[in-house]
Amino acid sequence: MLRVNGFRELNGSFNANSMEVGECGVCGVVGVHVSLVVSNQRNQTTLEAVQELNHSIQDMRNALQLNVPFRSNYLDAQELKLQIVYSLRIQLEANHQSRWLTPDIYQLLFTTDQFIDQAKAYLAQKCRW
């Protein structure tokens, strides 16, 4: 096949509208690569938010393991930690709803809601007597 000034010869005639198969393949590979990079960045942001939520939940769990006199003295700090957990949960859900091709986090959100409800009940029952 002979190429002359961007044209290629097909059976003795020149065709300006035809593209090489390699050119289409390169465009496709570049497009897929860009979409994978964007998807990876979104997933990285979700992962960082999940790790921050994990850290806050662990901090709250450690605060709940204090003895009753200490726990009642730090009730306001524990309620603040619980509010931080709730705000991180809301932030994670909001970021997840606005994106596609992200990992499924609904089980995490459900479990976090259960933790928040049980921690509120525990604080109300054990610390306010």
N, C-alpha and C. Protein backbone atom coordinates (compact mmCIF):
# COMPACT_ATOMS: atom_id res chain seq x y z
N MET A 1 0.85 -1.16 0.00
CA MET A 1 0.00 0.00 0.00
C MET A 1 0.90 1.23 0.00
N LEU A 2 0.60 2.16 -0.80
CA LEU A 2 1.40 3.36 -0.98
C LEU A 2 0.68 4.54 -0.35
N ARG A 3 1.43 5.34 0.49
CA ARG A 3 0.87 6.55 1.09
C ARG A 3 1.53 7.75 0.45
N VAL A 4 0.71 8.69 0.01
CA VAL A 4 1.23 9.90 -0.61
C VAL A 4 0.51 11.10 0.01
N ASN A 5 1.23 11.95 0.77
CA ASN A 5 0.70 13.17 1.36
C ASN A 5 -0.62 12.95 2.11
N GLY A 6 -0.67 11.97 3.01
CA GLY A 6 -1.86 11.72 3.81
C GLY A 6 -2.93 10.90 3.10
N PHE A 7 -2.73 10.54 1.85
CA PHE A 7 -3.68 9.73 1.11
C PHE A 7 -3.08 8.34 0.94
N ARG A 8 -3.90 7.37 0.77
CA ARG A 8 -3.36 6.06 0.48
C ARG A 8 -3.99 5.51 -0.80
N GLU A 9 -3.25 4.70 -1.47
CA GLU A 9 -3.69 4.17 -2.75
C GLU A 9 -4.46 2.88 -2.53
N LEU A 10 -5.66 2.82 -3.01
CA LEU A 10 -6.46 1.61 -2.96
C LEU A 10 -6.75 1.17 -4.40
N ASN A 11 -6.19 0.08 -4.80
CA ASN A 11 -6.39 -0.47 -6.15
C ASN A 11 -6.16 0.57 -7.25
N GLY A 12 -5.13 1.35 -7.09
CA GLY A 12 -4.80 2.32 -8.11
C GLY A 12 -5.46 3.67 -7.96
N SER A 13 -6.39 3.84 -6.97
CA SER A 13 -7.03 5.15 -6.79
C SER A 13 -6.69 5.68 -5.39
N PHE A 14 -6.70 6.98 -5.22
CA PHE A 14 -6.40 7.60 -3.92
C PHE A 14 -7.71 7.92 -3.20
N ASN A 15 -7.73 7.61 -1.91
CA ASN A 15 -8.93 7.82 -1.10
C ASN A 15 -8.55 8.70 0.09
N ALA A 16 -9.09 9.92 0.19
CA ALA A 16 -8.74 10.85 1.25
C ALA A 16 -9.53 10.59 2.53
N ASN A 17 -10.63 9.88 2.49
CA ASN A 17 -11.49 9.68 3.66
C ASN A 17 -11.12 8.46 4.49
N SER A 18 -10.22 7.66 4.04
CA SER A 18 -9.87 6.45 4.78
C SER A 18 -8.77 6.74 5.80
N MET A 19 -8.85 6.08 6.94
CA MET A 19 -7.82 6.21 7.99
C MET A 19 -7.15 4.87 8.18
N GLU A 20 -5.96 4.94 8.65
CA GLU A 20 -5.24 3.72 8.97
C GLU A 20 -5.89 3.09 10.20
N VAL A 21 -5.90 1.78 10.27
CA VAL A 21 -6.44 1.09 11.43
C VAL A 21 -5.62 1.42 12.67
N GLY A 22 -4.35 1.60 12.54
CA GLY A 22 -3.48 1.94 13.66
C GLY A 22 -3.82 3.28 14.28
N GLU A 23 -4.25 4.25 13.46
CA GLU A 23 -4.62 5.57 13.98
C GLU A 23 -5.86 5.48 14.85
N CYS A 24 -6.84 4.70 14.46
CA CYS A 24 -8.06 4.51 15.25
C CYS A 24 -7.73 3.80 16.56
N GLY A 25 -6.87 2.82 16.47
CA GLY A 25 -6.48 2.08 17.67
C GLY A 25 -5.78 2.95 18.69
N VAL A 26 -4.91 3.84 18.22
CA VAL A 26 -4.19 4.74 19.13
C VAL A 26 -5.17 5.68 19.81
N CYS A 27 -6.12 6.23 19.07
CA CYS A 27 -7.13 7.12 19.66
C CYS A 27 -7.95 6.37 20.71
N GLY A 28 -8.31 5.15 20.42
CA GLY A 28 -9.08 4.35 21.38
C GLY A 28 -8.30 4.04 22.64
N VAL A 29 -7.04 3.69 22.48
CA VAL A 29 -6.19 3.38 23.63
C VAL A 29 -6.00 4.62 24.50
N VAL A 30 -5.79 5.77 23.88
CA VAL A 30 -5.63 7.02 24.64
C VAL A 30 -6.92 7.35 25.39
N GLY A 31 -8.05 7.18 24.75
CA GLY A 31 -9.34 7.45 25.40
C GLY A 31 -9.58 6.54 26.59
N VAL A 32 -9.29 5.27 26.43
CA VAL A 32 -9.45 4.32 27.53
C VAL A 32 -8.49 4.66 28.67
N HIS A 33 -7.27 5.02 28.32
CA HIS A 33 -6.28 5.36 29.34
C HIS A 33 -6.72 6.58 30.15
N VAL A 34 -7.22 7.60 29.49
CA VAL A 34 -7.69 8.81 30.18
C VAL A 34 -8.85 8.49 31.11
N SER A 35 -9.80 7.68 30.64
CA SER A 35 -10.95 7.34 31.49
C SER A 35 -10.52 6.49 32.68
N LEU A 36 -9.54 5.63 32.51
CA LEU A 36 -9.04 4.84 33.63
C LEU A 36 -8.33 5.70 34.67
N VAL A 37 -7.58 6.69 34.21
CA VAL A 37 -6.89 7.60 35.13
C VAL A 37 -7.90 8.40 35.95
N VAL A 38 -8.94 8.91 35.29
CA VAL A 38 -9.97 9.68 35.99
C VAL A 38 -10.70 8.78 36.98
N SER A 39 -11.04 7.58 36.58
CA SER A 39 -11.72 6.64 37.47
C SER A 39 -10.85 6.29 38.66
N ASN A 40 -9.55 6.10 38.43
CA ASN A 40 -8.63 5.79 39.51
C ASN A 40 -8.54 6.93 40.52
N GLN A 41 -8.53 8.17 40.04
CA GLN A 41 -8.48 9.32 40.94
C GLN A 41 -9.74 9.41 41.78
N ARG A 42 -10.88 9.13 41.18
CA ARG A 42 -12.14 9.13 41.94
C ARG A 42 -12.14 8.04 42.99
N ASN A 43 -11.67 6.85 42.62
CA ASN A 43 -11.61 5.76 43.58
C ASN A 43 -10.63 6.06 44.70
N GLN A 44 -9.54 6.75 44.41
CA GLN A 44 -8.56 7.13 45.43
C GLN A 44 -9.19 8.09 46.43
N THR A 45 -9.99 9.04 45.94
CA THR A 45 -10.68 9.97 46.82
C THR A 45 -11.65 9.23 47.73
N THR A 46 -12.39 8.28 47.18
CA THR A 46 -13.31 7.47 47.98
C THR A 46 -12.55 6.66 49.02
N LEU A 47 -11.43 6.09 48.64
CA LEU A 47 -10.62 5.31 49.57
C LEU A 47 -10.12 6.18 50.72
N GLU A 48 -9.68 7.38 50.42
CA GLU A 48 -9.21 8.29 51.48
C GLU A 48 -10.34 8.66 52.43
N ALA A 49 -11.54 8.87 51.90
CA ALA A 49 -12.69 9.20 52.74
C ALA A 49 -13.07 8.00 53.63
N VAL A 50 -12.98 6.80 53.09
CA VAL A 50 -13.27 5.59 53.88
C VAL A 50 -12.23 5.43 54.98
N GLN A 51 -10.97 5.70 54.68
CA GLN A 51 -9.93 5.59 55.71
C GLN A 51 -10.12 6.63 56.81
N GLU A 52 -10.53 7.83 56.45
CA GLU A 52 -10.79 8.86 57.45
C GLU A 52 -11.98 8.47 58.32
N LEU A 53 -13.02 7.91 57.72
CA LEU A 53 -14.17 7.42 58.48
C LEU A 53 -13.74 6.30 59.42
N ASN A 54 -12.91 5.39 58.95
CA ASN A 54 -12.40 4.30 59.79
C ASN A 54 -11.65 4.85 60.99
N HIS A 55 -10.79 5.84 60.77
CA HIS A 55 -10.02 6.43 61.86
C HIS A 55 -10.95 7.07 62.90
N SER A 56 -11.97 7.77 62.44
CA SER A 56 -12.90 8.41 63.36
C SER A 56 -13.72 7.40 64.15
N ILE A 57 -14.12 6.32 63.51
CA ILE A 57 -14.87 5.27 64.22
C ILE A 57 -13.98 4.60 65.26
N GLN A 58 -12.73 4.31 64.92
CA GLN A 58 -11.82 3.71 65.89
C GLN A 58 -11.59 4.64 67.08
N ASP A 59 -11.47 5.93 66.81
CA ASP A 59 -11.29 6.91 67.88
C ASP A 59 -12.51 6.92 68.80
N MET A 60 -13.70 6.86 68.21
CA MET A 60 -14.93 6.83 69.00
C MET A 60 -15.03 5.54 69.81
N ARG A 61 -14.68 4.43 69.22
CA ARG A 61 -14.72 3.14 69.95
C ARG A 61 -13.76 3.15 71.13
N ASN A 62 -12.57 3.72 70.92
CA ASN A 62 -11.61 3.80 72.03
C ASN A 62 -12.14 4.69 73.15
N ALA A 63 -12.85 5.75 72.80
CA ALA A 63 -13.41 6.63 73.82
C ALA A 63 -14.52 5.93 74.61
N LEU A 64 -15.24 5.03 73.96
CA LEU A 64 -16.32 4.32 74.65
C LEU A 64 -15.81 3.26 75.60
N GLN A 65 -14.55 2.90 75.50
CA GLN A 65 -14.00 1.87 76.36
C GLN A 65 -13.48 2.41 77.69
N LEU A 66 -13.62 3.69 77.91
CA LEU A 66 -13.20 4.27 79.18
C LEU A 66 -14.14 3.81 80.29
N ASN A 67 -13.67 3.84 81.52
CA ASN A 67 -14.53 3.51 82.65
C ASN A 67 -15.64 4.55 82.77
N VAL A 68 -16.73 4.17 83.46
CA VAL A 68 -17.91 5.02 83.54
C VAL A 68 -17.60 6.41 84.09
N PRO A 69 -16.84 6.58 85.18
CA PRO A 69 -16.60 7.96 85.66
C PRO A 69 -15.87 8.82 84.63
N PHE A 70 -14.89 8.26 83.95
CA PHE A 70 -14.17 9.02 82.93
C PHE A 70 -15.06 9.30 81.72
N ARG A 71 -15.84 8.30 81.35
CA ARG A 71 -16.71 8.44 80.19
C ARG A 71 -17.74 9.55 80.43
N SER A 72 -18.29 9.62 81.65
CA SER A 72 -19.27 10.66 81.93
C SER A 72 -18.63 12.04 81.98
N ASN A 73 -17.35 12.12 82.37
CA ASN A 73 -16.66 13.41 82.37
C ASN A 73 -16.38 13.91 80.96
N TYR A 74 -16.22 13.00 80.01
CA TYR A 74 -15.89 13.36 78.64
C TYR A 74 -17.06 13.14 77.69
N LEU A 75 -18.27 13.26 78.21
CA LEU A 75 -19.45 13.00 77.40
C LEU A 75 -19.55 13.97 76.21
N ASP A 76 -19.27 15.24 76.44
CA ASP A 76 -19.35 16.21 75.35
C ASP A 76 -18.34 15.90 74.25
N ALA A 77 -17.13 15.50 74.63
CA ALA A 77 -16.10 15.15 73.65
C ALA A 77 -16.51 13.90 72.86
N GLN A 78 -17.14 12.95 73.55
CA GLN A 78 -17.58 11.74 72.86
C GLN A 78 -18.73 12.03 71.89
N GLU A 79 -19.63 12.91 72.30
CA GLU A 79 -20.72 13.28 71.39
C GLU A 79 -20.18 14.04 70.18
N LEU A 80 -19.15 14.84 70.38
CA LEU A 80 -18.51 15.55 69.27
C LEU A 80 -17.85 14.55 68.30
N LYS A 81 -17.20 13.54 68.85
CA LYS A 81 -16.59 12.51 68.00
C LYS A 81 -17.65 11.77 67.20
N LEU A 82 -18.79 11.54 67.84
CA LEU A 82 -19.88 10.87 67.13
C LEU A 82 -20.43 11.76 66.02
N GLN A 83 -20.50 13.06 66.24
CA GLN A 83 -20.93 13.99 65.20
C GLN A 83 -19.94 14.01 64.03
N ILE A 84 -18.65 13.89 64.33
CA ILE A 84 -17.63 13.84 63.28
C ILE A 84 -17.81 12.58 62.43
N VAL A 85 -18.09 11.45 63.09
CA VAL A 85 -18.34 10.20 62.36
C VAL A 85 -19.54 10.37 61.44
N TYR A 86 -20.60 10.98 61.97
CA TYR A 86 -21.80 11.18 61.17
C TYR A 86 -21.54 12.11 59.98
N SER A 87 -20.81 13.18 60.19
CA SER A 87 -20.53 14.11 59.09
C SER A 87 -19.66 13.46 58.02
N LEU A 88 -18.70 12.63 58.42
CA LEU A 88 -17.89 11.92 57.43
C LEU A 88 -18.73 10.92 56.64
N ARG A 89 -19.69 10.31 57.31
CA ARG A 89 -20.58 9.36 56.64
C ARG A 89 -21.43 10.09 55.59
N ILE A 90 -21.96 11.26 55.96
CA ILE A 90 -22.77 12.05 55.03
C ILE A 90 -21.92 12.52 53.84
N GLN A 91 -20.70 12.95 54.12
CA GLN A 91 -19.80 13.41 53.07
C GLN A 91 -19.47 12.28 52.09
N LEU A 92 -19.22 11.09 52.63
CA LEU A 92 -18.91 9.93 51.78
C LEU A 92 -20.10 9.57 50.90
N GLU A 93 -21.29 9.61 51.46
CA GLU A 93 -22.48 9.30 50.68
C GLU A 93 -22.72 10.34 49.58
N ALA A 94 -22.52 11.62 49.90
CA ALA A 94 -22.73 12.67 48.92
C ALA A 94 -21.72 12.55 47.77
N ASN A 95 -20.48 12.27 48.08
CA ASN A 95 -19.47 12.11 47.03
C ASN A 95 -19.74 10.87 46.19
N HIS A 96 -20.25 9.84 46.81
CA HIS A 96 -20.51 8.60 46.08
C HIS A 96 -21.68 8.74 45.12
N GLN A 97 -22.71 9.48 45.50
CA GLN A 97 -23.88 9.61 44.65
C GLN A 97 -23.60 10.41 43.39
N SER A 98 -22.62 11.29 43.44
CA SER A 98 -22.35 12.13 42.28
C SER A 98 -21.35 11.52 41.31
N ARG A 99 -20.96 10.29 41.52
CA ARG A 99 -19.95 9.67 40.66
C ARG A 99 -20.41 8.30 40.19
N TRP A 100 -19.86 7.89 39.06
CA TRP A 100 -20.11 6.55 38.56
C TRP A 100 -18.77 5.82 38.49
N LEU A 101 -18.82 4.55 38.37
CA LEU A 101 -17.64 3.68 38.36
C LEU A 101 -16.85 3.77 39.67
N THR A 102 -17.56 3.86 40.79
CA THR A 102 -16.91 3.84 42.10
C THR A 102 -17.32 2.56 42.82
N PRO A 103 -16.52 2.15 43.79
CA PRO A 103 -16.87 0.92 44.52
C PRO A 103 -18.20 1.09 45.27
N ASP A 104 -18.88 -0.01 45.50
CA ASP A 104 -20.14 0.01 46.22
C ASP A 104 -19.86 0.22 47.71
N ILE A 105 -20.43 1.26 48.28
CA ILE A 105 -20.17 1.57 49.69
C ILE A 105 -21.43 1.51 50.53
N TYR A 106 -22.53 1.02 49.99
CA TYR A 106 -23.79 1.06 50.72
C TYR A 106 -23.79 0.17 51.96
N GLN A 107 -23.09 -0.95 51.93
CA GLN A 107 -22.98 -1.78 53.14
C GLN A 107 -22.20 -1.04 54.22
N LEU A 108 -21.16 -0.32 53.83
CA LEU A 108 -20.40 0.49 54.78
C LEU A 108 -21.28 1.58 55.38
N LEU A 109 -22.08 2.25 54.56
CA LEU A 109 -22.97 3.30 55.06
C LEU A 109 -24.01 2.73 56.02
N PHE A 110 -24.56 1.57 55.70
CA PHE A 110 -25.54 0.93 56.57
C PHE A 110 -24.91 0.56 57.91
N THR A 111 -23.72 -0.03 57.87
CA THR A 111 -23.03 -0.42 59.10
C THR A 111 -22.65 0.80 59.93
N THR A 112 -22.26 1.87 59.27
CA THR A 112 -21.93 3.11 59.99
C THR A 112 -23.17 3.67 60.66
N ASP A 113 -24.30 3.63 59.98
CA ASP A 113 -25.55 4.08 60.60
C ASP A 113 -25.89 3.26 61.84
N GLN A 114 -25.69 1.95 61.75
CA GLN A 114 -25.93 1.07 62.90
C GLN A 114 -25.01 1.45 64.07
N PHE A 115 -23.74 1.69 63.77
CA PHE A 115 -22.78 2.07 64.80
C PHE A 115 -23.20 3.39 65.46
N ILE A 116 -23.60 4.36 64.66
CA ILE A 116 -23.99 5.66 65.20
C ILE A 116 -25.21 5.52 66.11
N ASP A 117 -26.21 4.77 65.67
CA ASP A 117 -27.41 4.58 66.48
C ASP A 117 -27.09 3.88 67.80
N GLN A 118 -26.26 2.85 67.73
CA GLN A 118 -25.93 2.11 68.95
C GLN A 118 -25.04 2.92 69.87
N ALA A 119 -24.15 3.72 69.33
CA ALA A 119 -23.30 4.57 70.16
C ALA A 119 -24.13 5.65 70.85
N LYS A 120 -25.10 6.22 70.15
CA LYS A 120 -25.99 7.21 70.78
C LYS A 120 -26.76 6.58 71.92
N ALA A 121 -27.30 5.39 71.70
CA ALA A 121 -28.05 4.70 72.74
C ALA A 121 -27.15 4.36 73.93
N TYR A 122 -25.95 3.92 73.64
CA TYR A 122 -25.00 3.57 74.69
C TYR A 122 -24.63 4.79 75.52
N LEU A 123 -24.35 5.90 74.88
CA LEU A 123 -24.02 7.11 75.60
C LEU A 123 -25.19 7.61 76.43
N ALA A 124 -26.37 7.53 75.90
CA ALA A 124 -27.56 7.97 76.63
C ALA A 124 -27.83 7.08 77.84
N GLN A 125 -27.60 5.81 77.70
CA GLN A 125 -27.92 4.86 78.77
C GLN A 125 -26.83 4.83 79.84
N LYS A 126 -25.58 4.80 79.46
CA LYS A 126 -24.50 4.58 80.40
C LYS A 126 -23.98 5.87 81.05
N CYS A 127 -24.15 7.00 80.41
CA CYS A 127 -23.50 8.22 80.89
C CYS A 127 -24.45 9.22 81.49
N ARG A 128 -25.70 9.10 81.26
CA ARG A 128 -26.65 10.10 81.76
C ARG A 128 -27.53 9.50 82.85
N TRP A 129 -26.91 9.14 83.98
CA TRP A 129 -27.69 8.60 85.08
C TRP A 129 -27.61 9.48 86.21
